[in-house]
């Protein structure tokens, strides 16, 4: 499983680390990459309750497979080859 979470620097806190640990519960080791997003559109302002609700809903979607796409290794490799041909 792989996920991308975009947040502002001011929102990064211990609560986020705990949510990530919950999301990957049972996984012995995982990788976290953090990078600045150049020319990013500003993150919409929303109250904390709405924000947490949106993130928890996204986590639930990942856990239940809702609104996700799953590819086998072969399907992924074929997709990469097709995308390379489009360049």
N, C-alpha and C. Protein backbone atom coordinates (compact mmCIF):
# COMPACT_ATOMS: atom_id res chain seq x y z
N UNK A 1 0.85 -1.17 0.00
CA UNK A 1 0.00 0.00 0.00
C UNK A 1 0.89 1.23 0.00
N UNK A 2 0.45 2.23 -0.70
CA UNK A 2 1.17 3.51 -0.72
C UNK A 2 0.14 4.62 -0.61
N UNK A 3 0.49 5.66 0.10
CA UNK A 3 -0.41 6.80 0.22
C UNK A 3 0.37 8.10 0.19
N UNK A 4 -0.24 9.14 -0.29
CA UNK A 4 0.34 10.47 -0.29
C UNK A 4 -0.56 11.36 0.55
N UNK A 5 0.03 12.04 1.50
CA UNK A 5 -0.71 12.96 2.36
C UNK A 5 -0.09 14.32 2.21
N UNK A 6 -0.89 15.30 1.85
CA UNK A 6 -0.38 16.67 1.70
C UNK A 6 -0.93 17.52 2.83
N UNK A 7 -0.04 18.10 3.61
CA UNK A 7 -0.45 18.96 4.71
C UNK A 7 0.49 20.16 4.77
N UNK A 8 0.06 21.17 5.46
CA UNK A 8 0.93 22.32 5.64
C UNK A 8 1.90 22.03 6.78
N UNK A 9 3.04 22.69 6.77
CA UNK A 9 4.07 22.47 7.79
C UNK A 9 3.53 22.75 9.19
N UNK A 10 2.66 23.73 9.32
CA UNK A 10 2.14 24.08 10.65
C UNK A 10 1.23 22.99 11.22
N UNK A 11 0.71 22.11 10.37
CA UNK A 11 -0.19 21.06 10.84
C UNK A 11 0.53 19.75 11.16
N UNK A 12 1.80 19.66 10.86
CA UNK A 12 2.56 18.44 11.12
C UNK A 12 2.85 18.36 12.61
N UNK A 13 2.33 17.32 13.26
CA UNK A 13 2.51 17.18 14.70
C UNK A 13 2.48 15.69 15.07
N UNK A 14 2.57 15.42 16.37
CA UNK A 14 2.61 14.04 16.85
C UNK A 14 1.33 13.28 16.49
N UNK A 15 0.22 13.97 16.44
CA UNK A 15 -1.04 13.34 16.07
C UNK A 15 -0.94 12.71 14.69
N UNK A 16 -0.25 13.39 13.77
CA UNK A 16 -0.07 12.86 12.41
C UNK A 16 0.74 11.57 12.44
N UNK A 17 1.80 11.55 13.23
CA UNK A 17 2.62 10.35 13.32
C UNK A 17 1.77 9.17 13.81
N UNK A 18 0.94 9.43 14.80
CA UNK A 18 0.08 8.36 15.33
C UNK A 18 -0.92 7.88 14.28
N UNK A 19 -1.46 8.79 13.47
CA UNK A 19 -2.39 8.40 12.41
C UNK A 19 -1.69 7.54 11.35
N UNK A 20 -0.44 7.90 11.03
CA UNK A 20 0.33 7.12 10.06
C UNK A 20 0.60 5.73 10.62
N UNK A 21 0.98 5.65 11.90
CA UNK A 21 1.22 4.35 12.52
C UNK A 21 -0.05 3.49 12.49
N UNK A 22 -1.20 4.11 12.72
CA UNK A 22 -2.47 3.38 12.68
C UNK A 22 -2.76 2.90 11.26
N UNK A 23 -2.52 3.76 10.29
CA UNK A 23 -2.77 3.41 8.90
C UNK A 23 -1.95 2.20 8.46
N UNK A 24 -0.71 2.12 8.94
CA UNK A 24 0.19 1.03 8.54
C UNK A 24 0.35 -0.01 9.66
N UNK A 25 -0.67 -0.13 10.50
CA UNK A 25 -0.63 -1.08 11.61
C UNK A 25 -0.38 -2.49 11.08
N UNK A 26 0.53 -3.19 11.73
CA UNK A 26 0.86 -4.54 11.31
C UNK A 26 2.01 -4.61 10.33
N UNK A 27 2.41 -3.47 9.79
CA UNK A 27 3.55 -3.42 8.88
C UNK A 27 4.80 -3.24 9.72
N UNK A 28 5.77 -4.11 9.53
CA UNK A 28 6.97 -4.07 10.36
C UNK A 28 7.84 -2.85 10.07
N UNK A 29 7.92 -2.45 8.82
CA UNK A 29 8.77 -1.33 8.44
C UNK A 29 8.14 -0.60 7.27
N UNK A 30 8.20 0.72 7.30
CA UNK A 30 7.72 1.50 6.17
C UNK A 30 8.61 2.71 5.98
N UNK A 31 8.44 3.37 4.86
CA UNK A 31 9.30 4.49 4.49
C UNK A 31 8.47 5.77 4.46
N UNK A 32 9.04 6.83 5.01
CA UNK A 32 8.38 8.13 4.97
C UNK A 32 9.29 9.08 4.21
N UNK A 33 8.75 9.73 3.19
CA UNK A 33 9.49 10.73 2.42
C UNK A 33 8.78 12.05 2.60
N UNK A 34 9.53 13.08 2.96
CA UNK A 34 8.95 14.41 3.13
C UNK A 34 9.69 15.36 2.20
N UNK A 35 8.93 16.13 1.43
CA UNK A 35 9.56 17.08 0.52
C UNK A 35 8.66 18.30 0.40
N UNK A 36 9.26 19.44 0.11
CA UNK A 36 8.43 20.62 -0.12
C UNK A 36 7.70 20.48 -1.45
N UNK A 37 6.56 21.08 -1.54
CA UNK A 37 5.77 21.06 -2.77
C UNK A 37 5.94 22.41 -3.44
N UNK A 38 6.70 22.45 -4.55
CA UNK A 38 6.92 23.73 -5.22
C UNK A 38 5.65 24.25 -5.88
N UNK A 39 5.47 25.54 -5.81
CA UNK A 39 4.33 26.20 -6.46
C UNK A 39 3.00 25.54 -6.11
N UNK A 40 2.89 25.11 -4.87
CA UNK A 40 1.65 24.44 -4.46
C UNK A 40 0.53 25.45 -4.31
N UNK A 41 -0.65 25.00 -4.66
CA UNK A 41 -1.81 25.82 -4.39
C UNK A 41 -2.02 25.85 -2.88
N UNK A 42 -2.49 26.94 -2.35
CA UNK A 42 -2.71 26.98 -0.90
C UNK A 42 -3.73 25.93 -0.47
N UNK A 43 -3.47 25.35 0.67
CA UNK A 43 -4.39 24.36 1.21
C UNK A 43 -5.64 25.10 1.70
N UNK A 44 -6.78 24.58 1.33
CA UNK A 44 -8.04 25.23 1.71
C UNK A 44 -8.12 25.37 3.23
N UNK A 45 -8.63 26.50 3.67
CA UNK A 45 -8.79 26.71 5.11
C UNK A 45 -10.07 26.02 5.55
N UNK A 46 -9.93 25.23 6.59
CA UNK A 46 -11.09 24.56 7.16
C UNK A 46 -10.84 24.41 8.65
N UNK A 47 -11.90 24.28 9.41
CA UNK A 47 -11.71 24.15 10.85
C UNK A 47 -11.12 22.77 11.16
N UNK A 48 -10.57 22.63 12.35
CA UNK A 48 -9.87 21.41 12.71
C UNK A 48 -10.79 20.19 12.66
N UNK A 49 -12.03 20.34 13.10
CA UNK A 49 -12.96 19.22 13.09
C UNK A 49 -13.21 18.71 11.67
N UNK A 50 -13.42 19.62 10.74
CA UNK A 50 -13.64 19.23 9.33
C UNK A 50 -12.39 18.58 8.76
N UNK A 51 -11.24 19.14 9.10
CA UNK A 51 -9.97 18.64 8.61
C UNK A 51 -9.73 17.21 9.10
N UNK A 52 -9.89 16.99 10.40
CA UNK A 52 -9.67 15.65 10.97
C UNK A 52 -10.68 14.67 10.40
N UNK A 53 -11.92 15.11 10.22
CA UNK A 53 -12.95 14.25 9.64
C UNK A 53 -12.57 13.83 8.22
N UNK A 54 -12.07 14.77 7.44
CA UNK A 54 -11.67 14.48 6.05
C UNK A 54 -10.52 13.47 6.02
N UNK A 55 -9.53 13.66 6.90
CA UNK A 55 -8.39 12.74 6.94
C UNK A 55 -8.82 11.36 7.42
N UNK A 56 -9.64 11.31 8.47
CA UNK A 56 -10.11 10.01 8.96
C UNK A 56 -10.92 9.29 7.90
N UNK A 57 -11.70 10.02 7.12
CA UNK A 57 -12.47 9.43 6.02
C UNK A 57 -11.53 8.87 4.95
N UNK A 58 -10.46 9.59 4.66
CA UNK A 58 -9.48 9.11 3.67
C UNK A 58 -8.81 7.83 4.17
N UNK A 59 -8.48 7.78 5.46
CA UNK A 59 -7.87 6.57 6.03
C UNK A 59 -8.85 5.41 5.96
N UNK A 60 -10.10 5.66 6.30
CA UNK A 60 -11.13 4.61 6.22
C UNK A 60 -11.28 4.10 4.79
N UNK A 61 -11.26 5.01 3.82
CA UNK A 61 -11.34 4.60 2.42
C UNK A 61 -10.18 3.68 2.05
N UNK A 62 -8.98 4.00 2.52
CA UNK A 62 -7.82 3.14 2.23
C UNK A 62 -7.98 1.78 2.88
N UNK A 63 -8.43 1.77 4.14
CA UNK A 63 -8.57 0.50 4.87
C UNK A 63 -9.64 -0.40 4.26
N UNK A 64 -10.70 0.19 3.73
CA UNK A 64 -11.80 -0.61 3.18
C UNK A 64 -11.69 -0.81 1.67
N UNK A 65 -10.72 -0.14 1.05
CA UNK A 65 -10.54 -0.28 -0.39
C UNK A 65 -11.49 0.58 -1.21
N UNK A 66 -12.21 1.47 -0.56
CA UNK A 66 -13.15 2.34 -1.28
C UNK A 66 -12.36 3.41 -2.03
N UNK A 67 -12.75 3.66 -3.27
CA UNK A 67 -12.11 4.68 -4.10
C UNK A 67 -10.61 4.43 -4.26
N UNK A 68 -10.21 3.17 -4.33
CA UNK A 68 -8.80 2.84 -4.55
C UNK A 68 -8.67 1.98 -5.80
N UNK A 69 -7.48 1.95 -6.33
CA UNK A 69 -7.19 1.13 -7.50
C UNK A 69 -6.05 0.19 -7.12
N UNK A 70 -6.22 -1.08 -7.40
CA UNK A 70 -5.20 -2.07 -7.09
C UNK A 70 -4.70 -2.66 -8.40
N UNK A 71 -3.38 -2.69 -8.55
CA UNK A 71 -2.76 -3.26 -9.74
C UNK A 71 -1.82 -4.38 -9.33
N UNK A 72 -1.78 -5.43 -10.13
CA UNK A 72 -0.76 -6.45 -9.93
C UNK A 72 0.57 -5.87 -10.43
N UNK A 73 1.67 -6.55 -10.13
CA UNK A 73 2.97 -6.08 -10.60
C UNK A 73 2.99 -6.01 -12.12
N UNK A 74 2.44 -7.02 -12.78
CA UNK A 74 2.41 -7.02 -14.25
C UNK A 74 1.57 -5.87 -14.80
N UNK A 75 0.41 -5.62 -14.20
CA UNK A 75 -0.43 -4.51 -14.65
C UNK A 75 0.29 -3.18 -14.47
N UNK A 76 0.98 -3.05 -13.33
CA UNK A 76 1.72 -1.82 -13.07
C UNK A 76 2.83 -1.63 -14.10
N UNK A 77 3.59 -2.70 -14.36
CA UNK A 77 4.67 -2.62 -15.35
C UNK A 77 4.14 -2.23 -16.73
N UNK A 78 3.01 -2.80 -17.13
CA UNK A 78 2.42 -2.46 -18.42
C UNK A 78 1.98 -1.00 -18.46
N UNK A 79 1.42 -0.53 -17.37
CA UNK A 79 0.99 0.87 -17.30
C UNK A 79 2.19 1.80 -17.42
N UNK A 80 3.27 1.48 -16.74
CA UNK A 80 4.49 2.30 -16.81
C UNK A 80 5.01 2.34 -18.24
N UNK A 81 5.04 1.21 -18.91
CA UNK A 81 5.51 1.17 -20.30
C UNK A 81 4.63 2.03 -21.21
N UNK A 82 3.32 1.95 -21.03
CA UNK A 82 2.41 2.77 -21.85
C UNK A 82 2.62 4.26 -21.58
N UNK A 83 2.81 4.61 -20.33
CA UNK A 83 3.02 6.02 -19.99
C UNK A 83 4.34 6.54 -20.55
N UNK A 84 5.36 5.68 -20.55
CA UNK A 84 6.64 6.09 -21.13
C UNK A 84 6.51 6.33 -22.63
N UNK A 85 5.67 5.56 -23.28
CA UNK A 85 5.46 5.73 -24.72
C UNK A 85 4.75 7.03 -25.04
N UNK A 86 3.98 7.55 -24.12
CA UNK A 86 3.26 8.80 -24.34
C UNK A 86 4.17 10.02 -24.29
N UNK A 87 5.34 9.88 -23.70
CA UNK A 87 6.26 11.02 -23.58
C UNK A 87 6.86 11.41 -24.90
